[in-house]
Amino acid sequence: MFYRPEAGHGLPHNPFNAIVAPRPIGWISTRGSQGDNLAPYSFFNAVAYVPPQVMFASTGAKGDRHGTKDSVAQITETGVFCVNIATGDLRDAVNATSAPLPAGASEFGAAGIEAAACTTIDCPRVAHAAAALECRMTQIVPLAGEANFAVFGVVTGIHMRDDCVVEGRFDPRAAGGWIARLGYKDYAAVTELFEMDRPA
């Protein structure tokens, strides 16, 4: 099968998200003049080691946010955000924060998630996340299409849950493993690992 995206695929559901998978979920927390926000984004990844940098992409818009979503609007306002790593033990909470609440309504409160203060930025983080990356935004890049934006940030502080540091390595299997988006309504929990050495 071959199709051009602009012509349509003819399938019951769009296969693109399922083809580019699994994708880690960045659970993005922000603070703005209207309050705190928390939302999951599966277009998320690390992009550099030194200094450590991450990105996530937001697609679509809310009527009360002028062409974008709460996360991007608040990062534009404050220049900071926190990436909370989504794990199996918090999967229901991660999903609950994808609800389309009005601007200014806190997903922390609506989903019963305990917040904690970040150390290097003025932003909340998920208190029980396996890890959280405090970030200063470096750029917001408009992407092709309507209301598509990529947000890049430098990591300024890293929190790791003590039970997720095993023999000197970050390992969130005690928290149910990393969860990843596969497409459609499908997700995966990464709990089995294997090692490979790169060629010399």
Protein backbone atom coordinates (compact mmCIF):
# COMPACT_ATOMS: atom_id res chain seq x y z
CA MET A 1 0.00 0.00 0.00
CA PHE A 2 1.17 3.50 -0.79
CA TYR A 3 -0.60 6.78 -0.17
CA ARG A 4 0.12 10.49 -0.30
CA PRO A 5 -0.93 12.14 2.98
CA GLU A 6 -2.70 14.99 1.19
CA ALA A 7 -4.82 12.46 -0.76
CA GLY A 8 -5.81 10.36 2.27
CA HIS A 9 -5.13 6.75 3.22
CA GLY A 10 -8.61 5.23 2.95
CA LEU A 11 -8.19 3.33 6.23
CA PRO A 12 -10.54 3.60 9.23
CA HIS A 13 -7.80 5.36 11.27
CA ASN A 14 -4.70 7.37 10.40
CA PRO A 15 -1.68 4.99 10.43
CA PHE A 16 0.99 7.70 10.77
CA ASN A 17 1.08 7.73 14.59
CA ALA A 18 1.32 3.93 14.67
CA ILE A 19 4.17 3.85 12.13
CA VAL A 20 6.36 6.30 14.08
CA ALA A 21 6.28 4.40 17.37
CA PRO A 22 6.90 3.85 20.18
CA ARG A 23 7.21 7.48 21.23
CA PRO A 24 8.11 8.49 24.81
CA ILE A 25 5.58 10.70 26.54
CA GLY A 26 6.70 14.05 27.87
CA TRP A 27 4.29 15.06 30.62
CA ILE A 28 4.73 18.82 30.40
CA SER A 29 4.02 21.06 33.40
CA THR A 30 3.91 24.83 33.13
CA ARG A 31 2.94 27.87 35.17
CA GLY A 32 1.48 31.07 33.76
CA SER A 33 -0.54 34.09 34.78
CA GLN A 34 -3.71 31.98 34.63
CA GLY A 35 -2.34 29.17 36.82
CA ASP A 36 -0.64 25.78 36.53
CA ASN A 37 -1.05 23.30 33.68
CA LEU A 38 -0.08 19.67 33.08
CA ALA A 39 -0.49 17.80 29.78
CA PRO A 40 1.02 14.75 28.02
CA TYR A 41 2.75 15.06 24.65
CA SER A 42 3.88 12.02 22.65
CA PHE A 43 5.84 14.11 20.15
CA PHE A 44 8.70 14.36 22.65
CA ASN A 45 12.37 13.45 22.83
CA ALA A 46 15.89 14.37 23.92
CA VAL A 47 17.88 16.17 21.21
CA ALA A 48 21.38 16.88 22.63
CA TYR A 49 23.75 15.81 25.42
CA VAL A 50 25.86 18.89 26.22
CA PRO A 51 24.11 20.88 27.38
CA PRO A 52 21.20 18.45 27.77
CA GLN A 53 18.28 19.54 25.62
CA VAL A 54 14.78 18.27 24.91
CA MET A 55 11.91 19.08 22.60
CA PHE A 56 8.20 18.46 22.36
CA ALA A 57 5.69 19.38 19.71
CA SER A 58 2.17 20.64 20.23
CA THR A 59 -0.45 20.14 17.54
CA GLY A 60 -3.85 21.78 17.37
CA ALA A 61 -5.36 24.67 19.27
CA LYS A 62 -7.91 25.53 21.94
CA GLY A 63 -10.47 28.24 21.42
CA ASP A 64 -9.40 30.03 24.60
CA ARG A 65 -5.65 30.06 23.74
CA HIS A 66 -5.42 32.01 20.43
CA GLY A 67 -4.03 29.46 18.02
CA THR A 68 -2.23 27.06 20.35
CA LYS A 69 -2.68 25.04 23.55
CA ASP A 70 -2.18 25.88 27.22
CA SER A 71 1.38 24.50 27.43
CA VAL A 72 2.78 26.52 24.53
CA ALA A 73 0.90 29.65 25.58
CA GLN A 74 2.35 29.48 29.09
CA ILE A 75 5.88 28.68 27.92
CA THR A 76 5.69 31.68 25.58
CA GLU A 77 4.74 33.77 28.61
CA THR A 78 7.31 32.47 31.12
CA GLY A 79 10.10 30.85 29.13
CA VAL A 80 10.19 27.71 31.32
CA PHE A 81 8.64 24.25 31.53
CA CYS A 82 9.18 20.90 33.21
CA VAL A 83 9.14 17.49 31.53
CA ASN A 84 7.84 14.80 33.87
CA ILE A 85 8.63 11.27 32.69
CA ALA A 86 5.49 9.17 32.27
CA THR A 87 5.61 5.70 33.83
CA GLY A 88 3.20 2.80 34.26
CA ASP A 89 2.34 3.56 37.87
CA LEU A 90 0.95 6.96 36.85
CA ARG A 91 -0.61 6.03 33.50
CA ASP A 92 -4.19 6.77 34.57
CA ALA A 93 -3.11 10.18 35.87
CA VAL A 94 -1.22 10.88 32.63
CA ASN A 95 -4.33 10.05 30.62
CA ALA A 96 -6.58 12.13 32.89
CA THR A 97 -4.47 15.22 32.21
CA SER A 98 -5.21 15.00 28.49
CA ALA A 99 -8.76 16.25 29.18
CA PRO A 100 -9.53 19.57 27.43
CA LEU A 101 -9.95 21.75 30.51
CA PRO A 102 -10.50 25.50 30.18
CA ALA A 103 -7.45 27.75 30.30
CA GLY A 104 -6.57 28.40 33.93
CA ALA A 105 -8.02 25.14 35.24
CA SER A 106 -5.27 23.05 36.85
CA GLU A 107 -4.92 19.43 35.75
CA PHE A 108 -2.98 18.82 38.97
CA GLY A 109 -6.13 19.53 40.97
CA ALA A 110 -8.59 17.97 38.53
CA ALA A 111 -6.68 14.67 38.39
CA GLY A 112 -5.63 14.64 42.05
CA ILE A 113 -1.90 14.81 41.27
CA GLU A 114 0.49 16.08 43.92
CA ALA A 115 2.67 18.95 42.71
CA ALA A 116 6.12 19.89 43.97
CA ALA A 117 8.19 22.99 43.34
CA CYS A 118 10.99 22.92 40.79
CA THR A 119 14.42 24.03 42.00
CA THR A 120 15.88 26.05 39.11
CA ILE A 121 12.70 27.46 37.55
CA ASP A 122 9.35 28.83 38.74
CA CYS A 123 7.21 25.90 37.67
CA PRO A 124 5.46 22.93 39.29
CA ARG A 125 6.49 19.33 38.69
CA VAL A 126 4.79 16.01 39.38
CA ALA A 127 5.95 15.10 42.89
CA HIS A 128 5.92 11.33 42.31
CA ALA A 129 7.25 11.25 38.74
CA ALA A 130 10.10 8.81 38.20
CA ALA A 131 12.10 11.75 36.83
CA ALA A 132 11.52 15.39 36.02
CA LEU A 133 13.57 17.68 33.77
CA GLU A 134 13.46 21.39 34.58
CA CYS A 135 13.86 23.35 31.34
CA ARG A 136 14.43 26.85 30.05
CA MET A 137 12.91 27.34 26.63
CA THR A 138 15.42 28.20 23.90
CA GLN A 139 13.04 28.48 20.96
CA ILE A 140 9.52 27.80 19.78
CA VAL A 141 9.47 26.88 16.11
CA PRO A 142 6.30 27.13 14.02
CA LEU A 143 5.87 23.97 11.93
CA ALA A 144 4.03 23.37 8.66
CA GLY A 145 0.27 23.20 9.12
CA GLU A 146 -2.10 25.04 11.41
CA ALA A 147 -1.23 25.38 15.12
CA ASN A 148 1.81 23.08 15.01
CA PHE A 149 4.76 24.17 17.18
CA ALA A 150 8.03 22.55 18.32
CA VAL A 151 9.32 23.74 21.70
CA PHE A 152 13.02 23.32 22.53
CA GLY A 153 14.57 23.72 25.96
CA VAL A 154 17.85 23.38 27.85
CA VAL A 155 17.64 21.17 30.94
CA THR A 156 18.65 23.16 34.03
CA GLY A 157 17.81 20.63 36.75
CA ILE A 158 17.01 16.92 36.99
CA HIS A 159 14.99 15.12 39.68
CA MET A 160 15.03 11.31 39.94
CA ARG A 161 12.97 9.20 42.33
CA ASP A 162 15.27 7.29 44.67
CA ASP A 163 13.65 3.93 43.88
CA CYS A 164 14.30 4.54 40.18
CA VAL A 165 18.07 4.75 40.60
CA VAL A 166 19.29 1.14 40.62
CA GLU A 167 23.00 0.33 40.90
CA GLY A 168 23.88 3.81 39.70
CA ARG A 169 21.56 3.77 36.67
CA PHE A 170 18.18 5.38 36.06
CA ASP A 171 15.75 2.48 35.82
CA PRO A 172 12.03 3.23 36.29
CA ARG A 173 10.86 -0.37 36.17
CA ALA A 174 10.02 -0.01 39.89
CA ALA A 175 7.54 2.64 38.71
CA GLY A 176 5.97 0.37 36.11
CA GLY A 177 8.46 1.17 33.34
CA TRP A 178 8.47 3.97 30.81
CA ILE A 179 5.16 4.27 28.98
CA ALA A 180 5.13 5.07 25.29
CA ARG A 181 2.51 5.99 22.72
CA LEU A 182 2.06 3.57 19.84
CA GLY A 183 -0.79 5.10 17.89
CA TYR A 184 -4.56 4.75 17.90
CA LYS A 185 -5.45 4.08 21.58
CA ASP A 186 -2.45 1.80 22.06
CA TYR A 187 0.35 2.29 24.58
CA ALA A 188 3.27 0.18 25.78
CA ALA A 189 5.10 -0.18 29.08
CA VAL A 190 8.83 -0.73 28.66
CA THR A 191 9.85 -3.24 31.30
CA GLU A 192 12.24 -5.56 29.41
CA LEU A 193 15.71 -4.27 28.50
CA PHE A 194 18.67 -5.66 26.59
CA GLU A 195 22.19 -4.31 26.03
CA MET A 196 24.30 -4.07 22.87
CA ASP A 197 27.82 -2.70 22.46
CA ARG A 198 28.46 -0.39 19.53
CA PRO A 199 31.07 -1.49 17.01
CA ALA A 200 34.58 -0.26 17.83
